[in-house]
Protein backbone atom coordinates (compact mmCIF):
# COMPACT_ATOMS: atom_id res chain seq x y z
CA MET A 1 191.71 -87.20 -220.46
CA ARG A 2 192.96 -83.87 -219.66
CA THR A 3 189.91 -82.55 -221.73
CA VAL A 4 187.64 -84.33 -219.50
CA ARG A 5 189.06 -83.48 -216.40
CA GLY A 6 189.03 -79.72 -217.30
CA TRP A 7 185.40 -80.16 -218.29
CA PHE A 8 184.77 -81.74 -214.86
CA ARG A 9 186.71 -78.95 -213.26
CA ASP A 10 184.92 -76.28 -215.07
CA THR A 11 181.65 -78.02 -214.24
CA THR A 12 182.07 -78.58 -210.64
CA GLY A 13 184.90 -76.47 -209.45
CA GLY A 14 184.89 -73.37 -207.48
CA LEU A 15 181.31 -73.73 -205.57
CA PRO A 16 180.94 -73.07 -202.09
CA ARG A 17 180.45 -75.91 -199.60
CA PRO A 18 177.21 -75.03 -198.65
CA PHE A 19 175.98 -75.36 -202.07
CA TRP A 20 177.22 -79.10 -202.12
CA TYR A 21 175.25 -79.82 -198.97
CA LEU A 22 172.20 -78.42 -200.44
CA TRP A 23 173.04 -80.37 -203.48
CA THR A 24 173.32 -83.64 -201.59
CA GLY A 25 170.25 -83.16 -199.64
CA THR A 26 168.47 -82.38 -202.92
CA LEU A 27 169.64 -85.71 -204.62
CA ILE A 28 168.81 -87.93 -201.55
CA ASN A 29 165.31 -86.34 -201.17
CA ARG A 30 164.59 -86.91 -205.12
CA LEU A 31 166.04 -90.66 -205.07
CA GLY A 32 162.84 -91.15 -202.60
CA SER A 33 160.47 -88.94 -204.11
CA PHE A 34 158.08 -91.78 -204.88
CA VAL A 35 154.54 -90.75 -203.88
CA LEU A 36 153.80 -87.74 -206.19
CA VAL A 37 155.12 -89.84 -209.31
CA PHE A 38 152.61 -92.46 -208.74
CA LEU A 39 149.84 -90.83 -206.49
CA ALA A 40 147.28 -90.96 -209.63
CA ILE A 41 148.00 -94.57 -210.24
CA TYR A 42 147.79 -95.22 -206.52
CA LEU A 43 144.44 -93.26 -205.95
CA THR A 44 142.82 -95.03 -209.02
CA GLN A 45 144.26 -98.58 -209.07
CA GLU A 46 145.00 -99.41 -205.68
CA ARG A 47 142.21 -97.36 -203.88
CA GLY A 48 139.36 -97.52 -206.54
CA PHE A 49 138.78 -93.82 -206.57
CA SER A 50 137.54 -92.29 -209.92
CA ALA A 51 139.83 -90.20 -212.42
CA SER A 52 137.67 -87.02 -211.24
CA GLN A 53 138.45 -87.76 -207.33
CA ALA A 54 141.98 -88.64 -208.43
CA GLY A 55 142.18 -85.29 -210.01
CA LEU A 56 140.57 -83.50 -206.86
CA VAL A 57 142.96 -85.27 -204.68
CA LEU A 58 145.82 -83.75 -206.78
CA GLY A 59 144.36 -80.28 -206.91
CA LEU A 60 144.20 -80.32 -202.94
CA TRP A 61 148.00 -80.98 -203.18
CA GLY A 62 148.21 -78.01 -205.41
CA VAL A 63 146.04 -75.69 -203.23
CA GLY A 64 148.04 -76.89 -199.97
CA GLY A 65 151.30 -76.04 -202.17
CA ALA A 66 150.00 -72.38 -203.08
CA VAL A 67 149.47 -71.91 -199.12
CA GLY A 68 152.87 -73.22 -198.60
CA THR A 69 154.67 -71.28 -200.90
CA THR A 70 153.19 -68.18 -199.91
CA VAL A 71 153.81 -68.66 -196.40
CA GLY A 72 157.29 -70.07 -196.84
CA GLY A 73 158.52 -67.10 -198.81
CA THR A 74 157.41 -64.77 -195.95
CA LEU A 75 159.08 -67.07 -193.47
CA ALA A 76 161.96 -67.52 -195.51
CA ASP A 77 162.69 -63.61 -195.42
CA ARG A 78 161.48 -63.07 -191.75
CA TRP A 79 162.37 -66.18 -189.88
CA GLY A 80 165.35 -67.40 -191.93
CA ARG A 81 165.90 -69.89 -194.60
CA ARG A 82 167.21 -72.50 -192.35
CA PRO A 83 164.46 -72.98 -189.65
CA THR A 84 161.75 -72.64 -192.63
CA LEU A 85 163.35 -75.69 -194.37
CA LEU A 86 163.73 -77.68 -191.26
CA THR A 87 160.04 -76.86 -190.68
CA ALA A 88 158.85 -77.60 -193.81
CA HIS A 89 160.89 -81.06 -194.11
CA LEU A 90 159.72 -82.26 -191.06
CA GLY A 91 156.07 -81.42 -191.46
CA ALA A 92 156.22 -83.03 -194.78
CA ALA A 93 157.65 -86.34 -193.77
CA THR A 94 154.95 -86.69 -190.97
CA MET A 95 152.01 -85.79 -193.70
CA MET A 96 153.54 -88.37 -195.94
CA LEU A 97 153.02 -91.27 -193.78
CA ALA A 98 149.60 -89.86 -192.58
CA LEU A 99 148.68 -89.73 -196.27
CA GLY A 100 149.76 -93.43 -196.82
CA LEU A 101 147.61 -94.72 -193.98
CA ALA A 102 144.59 -92.49 -194.96
CA ARG A 103 141.37 -94.65 -196.17
CA PRO A 104 138.43 -92.44 -196.65
CA LEU A 105 138.42 -89.90 -199.37
CA TRP A 106 138.06 -86.88 -197.27
CA ALA A 107 141.08 -88.05 -195.18
CA VAL A 108 143.11 -88.52 -198.14
CA GLY A 109 142.33 -85.04 -199.40
CA LEU A 110 143.06 -83.67 -196.01
CA GLY A 111 146.59 -85.18 -196.16
CA ALA A 112 147.20 -84.26 -199.65
CA LEU A 113 146.37 -80.64 -198.84
CA LEU A 114 148.60 -80.60 -195.59
CA LEU A 115 151.46 -82.53 -197.44
CA GLY A 116 151.52 -80.11 -200.35
CA THR A 117 151.67 -77.19 -197.90
CA PHE A 118 154.49 -78.34 -195.92
CA ALA A 119 156.22 -79.91 -199.01
CA GLU A 120 156.11 -76.67 -200.98
CA ALA A 121 157.14 -74.28 -198.14
CA ALA A 122 160.37 -75.62 -198.54
CA ARG A 123 160.70 -74.46 -201.98
CA PRO A 124 161.33 -70.75 -201.74
CA ALA A 125 163.43 -71.05 -198.57
CA PHE A 126 165.75 -73.49 -200.82
CA GLY A 127 165.64 -71.26 -203.63
CA ALA A 128 166.57 -68.07 -201.71
CA MET A 129 169.40 -70.07 -199.98
CA MET A 130 170.72 -71.30 -203.26
CA ILE A 131 171.02 -67.74 -204.32
CA ASP A 132 172.38 -66.58 -200.99
CA VAL A 133 175.51 -68.87 -201.08
CA VAL A 134 176.36 -69.02 -204.64
CA PRO A 135 178.21 -65.78 -206.40
CA GLU A 136 176.10 -64.36 -209.44
CA LYS A 137 178.55 -65.41 -212.03
CA GLU A 138 178.38 -69.19 -210.84
CA ARG A 139 174.77 -69.41 -210.70
CA LEU A 140 174.00 -70.72 -213.98
CA ARG A 141 176.50 -73.63 -213.26
CA ALA A 142 175.14 -74.07 -209.57
CA PHE A 143 171.25 -74.17 -210.92
CA SER A 144 172.30 -76.75 -213.62
CA LEU A 145 174.00 -78.85 -211.31
CA ASN A 146 171.16 -78.90 -208.75
CA TYR A 147 168.58 -79.40 -211.65
CA TRP A 148 170.83 -82.53 -212.65
CA ALA A 149 170.73 -83.79 -209.14
CA ILE A 150 166.88 -83.62 -209.24
CA ASN A 151 166.52 -85.47 -212.40
CA LEU A 152 169.28 -88.03 -211.30
CA GLY A 153 167.26 -88.85 -208.47
CA PHE A 154 163.82 -88.64 -210.29
CA ALA A 155 164.83 -91.10 -212.84
CA CYS A 156 166.24 -93.79 -210.28
CA ALA A 157 162.95 -92.96 -208.04
CA ALA A 158 160.66 -93.41 -211.25
CA VAL A 159 161.90 -96.91 -211.66
CA LEU A 160 162.28 -98.04 -208.00
CA ALA A 161 158.97 -96.68 -207.40
CA GLY A 162 157.49 -98.96 -210.07
CA LEU A 163 159.24 -102.13 -208.43
CA ALA A 164 158.36 -100.84 -204.80
CA ALA A 165 154.88 -100.52 -205.74
CA GLN A 166 154.63 -104.45 -206.54
CA ALA A 167 155.64 -104.91 -202.72
CA GLY A 168 153.17 -102.44 -201.26
CA TYR A 169 151.91 -98.89 -202.07
CA LEU A 170 152.70 -98.11 -198.24
CA LEU A 171 156.63 -98.60 -198.91
CA LEU A 172 156.52 -95.67 -201.52
CA PHE A 173 155.01 -93.38 -198.57
CA VAL A 174 157.51 -94.67 -196.04
CA VAL A 175 160.68 -94.45 -198.21
CA ASP A 176 159.65 -90.90 -199.32
CA ALA A 177 159.11 -89.80 -195.70
CA ALA A 178 162.71 -91.26 -194.73
CA THR A 179 164.55 -89.40 -197.70
CA THR A 180 162.89 -86.15 -196.50
CA VAL A 181 163.87 -86.67 -192.74
CA ILE A 182 167.65 -87.24 -194.06
CA THR A 183 167.51 -84.04 -196.10
CA ALA A 184 166.26 -82.15 -193.00
CA LEU A 185 169.30 -83.78 -191.14
CA ILE A 186 171.63 -82.73 -193.69
CA ILE A 187 170.67 -79.10 -193.45
CA PHE A 188 170.07 -79.07 -189.82
CA THR A 189 173.76 -80.36 -189.27
CA ARG A 190 175.74 -78.79 -192.09
CA VAL A 191 174.08 -75.55 -193.41
CA LYS A 192 173.92 -72.40 -191.57
CA GLU A 193 171.63 -69.80 -191.83
CA THR A 194 172.31 -67.89 -195.18
CA ARG A 195 170.22 -64.83 -195.15
CA GLY A 196 172.48 -61.87 -195.98
CA ALA A 197 175.42 -64.20 -196.88
CA PRO A 198 178.49 -62.77 -198.37
CA ALA A 199 177.73 -64.25 -201.89
CA ALA A 200 174.72 -62.16 -202.24
CA PRO A 201 175.37 -58.88 -199.86
CA VAL A 202 172.50 -56.67 -199.07
CA ALA A 203 173.12 -52.93 -198.94
CA LYS A 204 173.25 -51.32 -195.71
CA GLY A 205 169.65 -50.90 -194.37
CA ASP A 206 168.33 -52.80 -196.99
CA THR A 207 165.61 -54.71 -195.29
CA ALA A 208 162.12 -55.85 -196.42
CA PRO A 209 160.32 -52.26 -196.71
CA PRO A 210 156.90 -51.74 -195.86
CA GLY A 211 154.12 -52.95 -198.22
CA ALA A 212 156.28 -55.75 -199.63
CA LEU A 213 153.72 -57.77 -200.84
CA ARG A 214 152.38 -54.69 -202.84
CA THR A 215 155.89 -54.29 -204.20
CA ILE A 216 155.81 -57.64 -205.92
CA LEU A 217 152.28 -57.14 -207.02
CA THR A 218 152.86 -53.98 -208.74
CA ASP A 219 156.20 -55.58 -210.41
CA ARG A 220 154.46 -56.25 -214.03
CA VAL A 221 157.71 -57.59 -215.35
CA TYR A 222 157.84 -60.33 -212.72
CA LEU A 223 154.05 -61.22 -212.70
CA GLY A 224 154.45 -61.32 -216.36
CA PHE A 225 157.36 -63.88 -216.06
CA VAL A 226 155.03 -65.83 -213.65
CA ALA A 227 152.31 -65.91 -215.65
CA LEU A 228 154.27 -67.58 -218.52
CA ASN A 229 155.38 -70.06 -215.99
CA LEU A 230 151.91 -70.73 -214.72
CA PHE A 231 150.93 -71.81 -218.52
CA ALA A 232 154.07 -73.82 -218.81
CA ALA A 233 153.56 -75.72 -215.41
CA LEU A 234 149.79 -76.49 -216.55
CA VAL A 235 151.23 -78.36 -219.54
CA PHE A 236 154.16 -79.94 -217.88
CA LEU A 237 152.28 -81.11 -214.73
CA GLN A 238 150.05 -83.27 -217.11
CA HIS A 239 152.86 -86.04 -217.22
CA ILE A 240 152.03 -86.86 -213.42
CA SER A 241 148.45 -86.45 -213.49
CA MET A 242 146.65 -87.25 -217.12
CA LEU A 243 149.80 -89.19 -218.65
CA PRO A 244 149.63 -92.13 -216.17
CA ILE A 245 145.81 -92.39 -216.47
CA ALA A 246 146.21 -92.18 -220.46
CA MET A 247 148.69 -95.03 -220.41
CA GLY A 248 146.48 -97.16 -218.12
CA ASP A 249 143.62 -96.57 -220.53
CA ALA A 250 146.01 -97.86 -223.49
CA GLY A 251 146.80 -101.12 -221.45
CA LEU A 252 149.85 -100.26 -220.09
CA THR A 253 151.13 -101.08 -216.45
CA PRO A 254 152.56 -98.82 -213.68
CA ALA A 255 155.94 -100.16 -213.87
CA THR A 256 155.98 -99.45 -217.71
CA TYR A 257 154.80 -95.81 -217.00
CA GLY A 258 157.62 -95.74 -214.38
CA SER A 259 160.02 -96.91 -217.06
CA VAL A 260 158.70 -94.56 -219.54
CA ILE A 261 158.68 -91.27 -217.41
CA ALA A 262 162.44 -92.27 -215.99
CA LEU A 263 163.38 -91.42 -219.55
CA ASN A 264 162.89 -87.93 -218.78
CA GLY A 265 165.51 -88.09 -215.87
CA VAL A 266 167.67 -90.18 -217.87
CA LEU A 267 167.99 -87.83 -220.59
CA ILE A 268 168.65 -84.79 -218.19
CA VAL A 269 171.19 -86.56 -216.37
CA ALA A 270 173.23 -87.33 -219.60
CA GLY A 271 172.89 -84.22 -221.02
CA GLN A 272 171.74 -81.47 -218.82
CA LEU A 273 175.53 -80.43 -217.77
CA PHE A 274 176.35 -79.66 -221.13
CA VAL A 275 173.36 -77.24 -221.46
CA PRO A 276 174.90 -74.25 -219.75
CA ARG A 277 177.71 -74.00 -222.55
CA LEU A 278 175.19 -74.67 -225.30
CA ILE A 279 173.18 -71.61 -224.38
CA LYS A 280 175.79 -69.20 -223.00
CA GLY A 281 176.00 -66.20 -224.74
CA ARG A 282 172.34 -66.82 -226.34
CA SER A 283 169.30 -64.45 -226.02
CA ARG A 284 167.25 -65.97 -222.86
CA SER A 285 164.30 -64.94 -224.33
CA HIS A 286 164.88 -67.01 -227.61
CA VAL A 287 166.16 -69.86 -225.62
CA LEU A 288 162.97 -70.02 -223.31
CA ALA A 289 160.62 -69.37 -226.55
CA LEU A 290 162.34 -72.28 -228.21
CA ALA A 291 162.11 -74.43 -224.95
CA SER A 292 158.17 -73.58 -224.85
CA LEU A 293 157.76 -74.75 -228.52
CA VAL A 294 159.70 -77.88 -228.05
CA MET A 295 157.80 -78.76 -225.07
CA GLY A 296 154.43 -78.22 -226.71
CA VAL A 297 155.51 -80.31 -229.66
CA GLY A 298 156.63 -83.20 -227.26
CA PHE A 299 153.31 -83.22 -225.12
CA GLY A 300 151.17 -82.68 -228.60
CA LEU A 301 152.52 -85.84 -229.81
CA THR A 302 150.91 -87.78 -226.91
CA ALA A 303 147.79 -87.47 -228.55
CA PHE A 304 148.77 -90.00 -231.04
CA ALA A 305 150.63 -92.16 -228.96
CA ASP A 306 149.32 -95.86 -228.81
CA ALA A 307 152.30 -97.79 -227.28
CA ALA A 308 155.19 -97.71 -224.88
CA TRP A 309 158.02 -96.74 -227.43
CA PHE A 310 155.58 -93.98 -228.59
CA TYR A 311 155.03 -92.44 -225.47
CA GLY A 312 158.91 -92.66 -224.84
CA ILE A 313 159.47 -90.45 -227.85
CA THR A 314 157.10 -88.03 -226.69
CA VAL A 315 158.83 -88.03 -223.23
CA LEU A 316 162.17 -87.45 -224.74
CA ILE A 317 161.04 -84.45 -226.99
CA TRP A 318 159.35 -82.53 -224.36
CA THR A 319 162.32 -83.39 -221.81
CA LEU A 320 164.53 -81.47 -224.51
CA GLY A 321 162.41 -78.34 -223.97
CA GLU A 322 162.63 -78.99 -220.20
CA MET A 323 166.21 -78.87 -220.31
CA LEU A 324 166.70 -75.60 -222.42
CA ASN A 325 164.23 -74.29 -220.04
CA SER A 326 165.58 -74.57 -216.83
CA PRO A 327 168.84 -72.84 -216.40
CA SER A 328 167.83 -69.79 -218.09
CA ASN A 329 164.37 -69.95 -215.89
CA ALA A 330 166.41 -70.29 -212.49
CA THR A 331 168.94 -67.36 -213.23
CA LEU A 332 166.18 -65.20 -214.36
CA ILE A 333 164.36 -65.62 -211.03
CA ALA A 334 167.64 -64.92 -209.12
CA GLU A 335 168.35 -61.52 -211.41
CA LEU A 336 164.55 -60.40 -211.20
CA SER A 337 164.67 -60.63 -207.09
CA PRO A 338 165.71 -57.81 -205.12
CA ALA A 339 167.92 -59.00 -202.07
CA ALA A 340 165.69 -58.02 -199.48
CA LEU A 341 162.65 -59.88 -200.72
CA ARG A 342 164.33 -62.99 -202.21
CA GLY A 343 162.27 -65.32 -200.25
CA ARG A 344 158.82 -63.67 -201.25
CA TYR A 345 159.81 -63.14 -204.80
CA GLN A 346 160.78 -67.03 -204.80
CA GLY A 347 157.30 -67.81 -203.19
CA VAL A 348 155.40 -65.97 -205.63
CA PHE A 349 157.27 -67.74 -208.38
CA SER A 350 156.67 -70.89 -206.85
CA LEU A 351 152.99 -70.08 -206.45
CA SER A 352 152.39 -70.52 -210.15
CA TRP A 353 153.60 -74.17 -209.91
CA GLN A 354 151.04 -74.66 -206.92
CA ILE A 355 148.26 -72.94 -208.76
CA ALA A 356 148.88 -75.12 -211.78
CA GLY A 357 149.36 -78.11 -209.52
CA ALA A 358 145.84 -77.52 -208.13
CA ALA A 359 144.19 -76.87 -211.81
CA ALA A 360 146.18 -78.90 -214.09
CA PRO A 361 144.79 -82.19 -213.09
CA ILE A 362 141.23 -80.92 -212.59
CA LEU A 363 141.40 -79.15 -215.89
CA GLY A 364 143.18 -81.98 -217.82
CA GLY A 365 140.43 -84.37 -216.17
CA LEU A 366 137.50 -82.18 -217.49
CA VAL A 367 139.08 -81.65 -220.81
CA ARG A 368 139.88 -85.60 -221.20
CA GLU A 369 136.29 -86.44 -219.98
CA HIS A 370 134.24 -83.99 -222.01
CA VAL A 371 136.60 -83.32 -225.16
CA GLY A 372 138.60 -86.13 -225.48
CA ASN A 373 142.30 -87.68 -224.80
CA SER A 374 143.52 -85.86 -228.28
CA ALA A 375 142.05 -82.56 -227.49
CA LEU A 376 144.00 -82.51 -224.15
CA TRP A 377 147.39 -83.14 -225.72
CA LEU A 378 146.97 -80.88 -228.67
CA GLY A 379 145.50 -78.08 -226.42
CA CYS A 380 149.05 -78.56 -224.72
CA ALA A 381 150.85 -78.06 -228.04
CA ALA A 382 148.98 -74.69 -228.64
CA ILE A 383 149.89 -73.35 -225.18
CA GLY A 384 153.37 -74.12 -225.90
CA ALA A 385 153.18 -71.69 -229.31
CA VAL A 386 151.29 -68.99 -227.30
CA MET A 387 154.16 -69.04 -224.47
CA ALA A 388 156.86 -68.96 -227.16
CA VAL A 389 155.36 -65.86 -228.43
CA GLY A 390 154.96 -64.32 -224.88
CA HIS A 391 158.91 -64.81 -224.30
CA LEU A 392 159.66 -63.21 -227.27
CA VAL A 393 157.72 -60.00 -226.73
CA SER A 394 158.55 -59.68 -223.10
CA GLY A 395 162.12 -60.51 -222.91
CA PRO A 396 163.54 -57.13 -223.65
CA ALA A 397 161.83 -55.33 -220.65
CA ARG A 398 162.61 -58.48 -218.42
CA GLU A 399 166.49 -58.07 -219.27
CA ARG A 400 166.43 -54.47 -218.64
CA ARG A 401 164.96 -55.16 -215.20
CA ALA A 402 167.84 -57.80 -214.57
CA ALA A 403 170.31 -55.53 -215.44
CA GLN A 404 169.23 -52.64 -213.18
CA PHE A 405 169.19 -55.48 -210.21
CA ARG A 406 172.90 -56.23 -211.16
CA THR A 407 174.01 -52.77 -210.24
CA PRO A 408 175.21 -53.32 -206.70
CA ALA A 409 174.04 -50.01 -205.45
CA THR A 410 170.48 -50.39 -206.33
CA PRO A 411 168.35 -50.14 -203.31
CA VAL A 412 164.81 -51.98 -202.69
CA ARG A 413 162.33 -49.22 -202.35
CA PRO A 414 158.76 -49.33 -201.00
CA VAL A 415 156.05 -49.55 -203.44
CA THR A 416 155.25 -45.63 -203.29
CA ALA A 417 158.75 -44.98 -204.69
CA ILE A 418 158.59 -47.54 -207.51
CA GLN A 419 158.45 -46.29 -210.85
CA PRO A 420 156.01 -48.70 -213.14
CA PRO A 421 158.10 -51.12 -215.33
CA ALA A 422 157.59 -50.92 -219.20
CA PRO A 423 154.14 -51.89 -219.80
CA GLU A 424 155.00 -54.24 -222.58
CA ALA A 425 156.35 -56.98 -220.11
CA ALA A 426 154.92 -59.98 -219.63
CA GLU A 427 156.61 -63.07 -219.11
CA ALA A 428 157.57 -66.27 -217.19
CA ALA A 429 159.24 -69.79 -217.58
CA ALA A 430 158.83 -73.40 -217.25
CA THR A 431 160.71 -75.37 -214.81
CA ALA A 432 160.67 -78.53 -212.51
CA PRO A 433 159.48 -78.85 -210.62
CA ALA A 434 158.92 -79.93 -210.40
CA ALA A 435 160.85 -80.13 -208.74
CA PRO A 436 157.87 -81.70 -208.38
CA VAL A 437 156.57 -79.24 -208.88
CA ALA A 438 157.75 -80.33 -206.70
CA ALA A 439 156.79 -79.83 -209.28
CA ARG A 440 160.28 -80.71 -208.76
CA SER A 441 161.95 -78.72 -206.23
């Protein structure tokens, strides 16, 4: 009993109160995250759209998300984390209801575009706020706990959404909008503005320099990191675009898909809190390379799946890769982001998820239609192997850059004063998100 209490104290103790309000908001929001999980099924089975039309709608969600993360990152730094989050959540709740009521394809596409814009505008502000309030030495633990909450909510939502869909798909949109509003209220009533919070002090005079966007766009180490995450997201997001369609073609029901995909959240909930201890002290590049390989194998085996239990095994395998990836990925984003540009850096990273959100369903649909279902999933396995090599090659430059930003006195310089990073850097990571990508956010 003492061992269990000690583990619980080591896992959850000592984190600031604002973190727990953010954590609670994440959990509530994810418990109602019904729509994106079942959108492909809703569009094809309930609304009668073709697979290519469904892919187009999901792609428009991603396009909107790309705009949202870019604008949201800038607003988080200039306007503040809190007002950006509130505006994004309330806008997302409104557009969630509008999408559920939309009927013509053009209206559904517009609704998805605007919903993606608002929903993903919250991602960089939330990430920056989390970094603001949690001290650097506690971030791996904090991000793991938040990721655990995301997946606890996701696991429950996947099962509940399958049941709720039987009562009517509109209920999915209503519940999703309601939980988003509740999250906004928690932030409004309990969390103060965190920009420049003591947990992440900003050096005197350290404000966003002129040419901030150019500074990011010339940061080859960080952009390499983002590029690798883009490829990871292209693979990962197949689980909400092509996987439900593939399972439907195999004669499996939406409720079965919900149960199978819920295994992802169940495994993460059961094991994610132990992952930080497992990977502590190990090379992050090696961990990310292994995560890429495991995730690629899991999606690759989908090519041979023909029954619910087989699909379940593939989900469990790629979930293991996701679990290894997420904590190292999240801490690297924090360590590679200058304090004064934290929101923008979060926005650029989130942009990789939104580009993948737009491209993954379209590319997946095209590959599946013209080359075949097996080629799609085996291609995912090949991408996983390429990502693993990319992490191993780019890891040293990434760690050198992180070490530079761990120095308290390191100022953020305008682009004209920045020395070009080592040319061997090219990297990234494979999360959530999503969040969900959110992606899962």
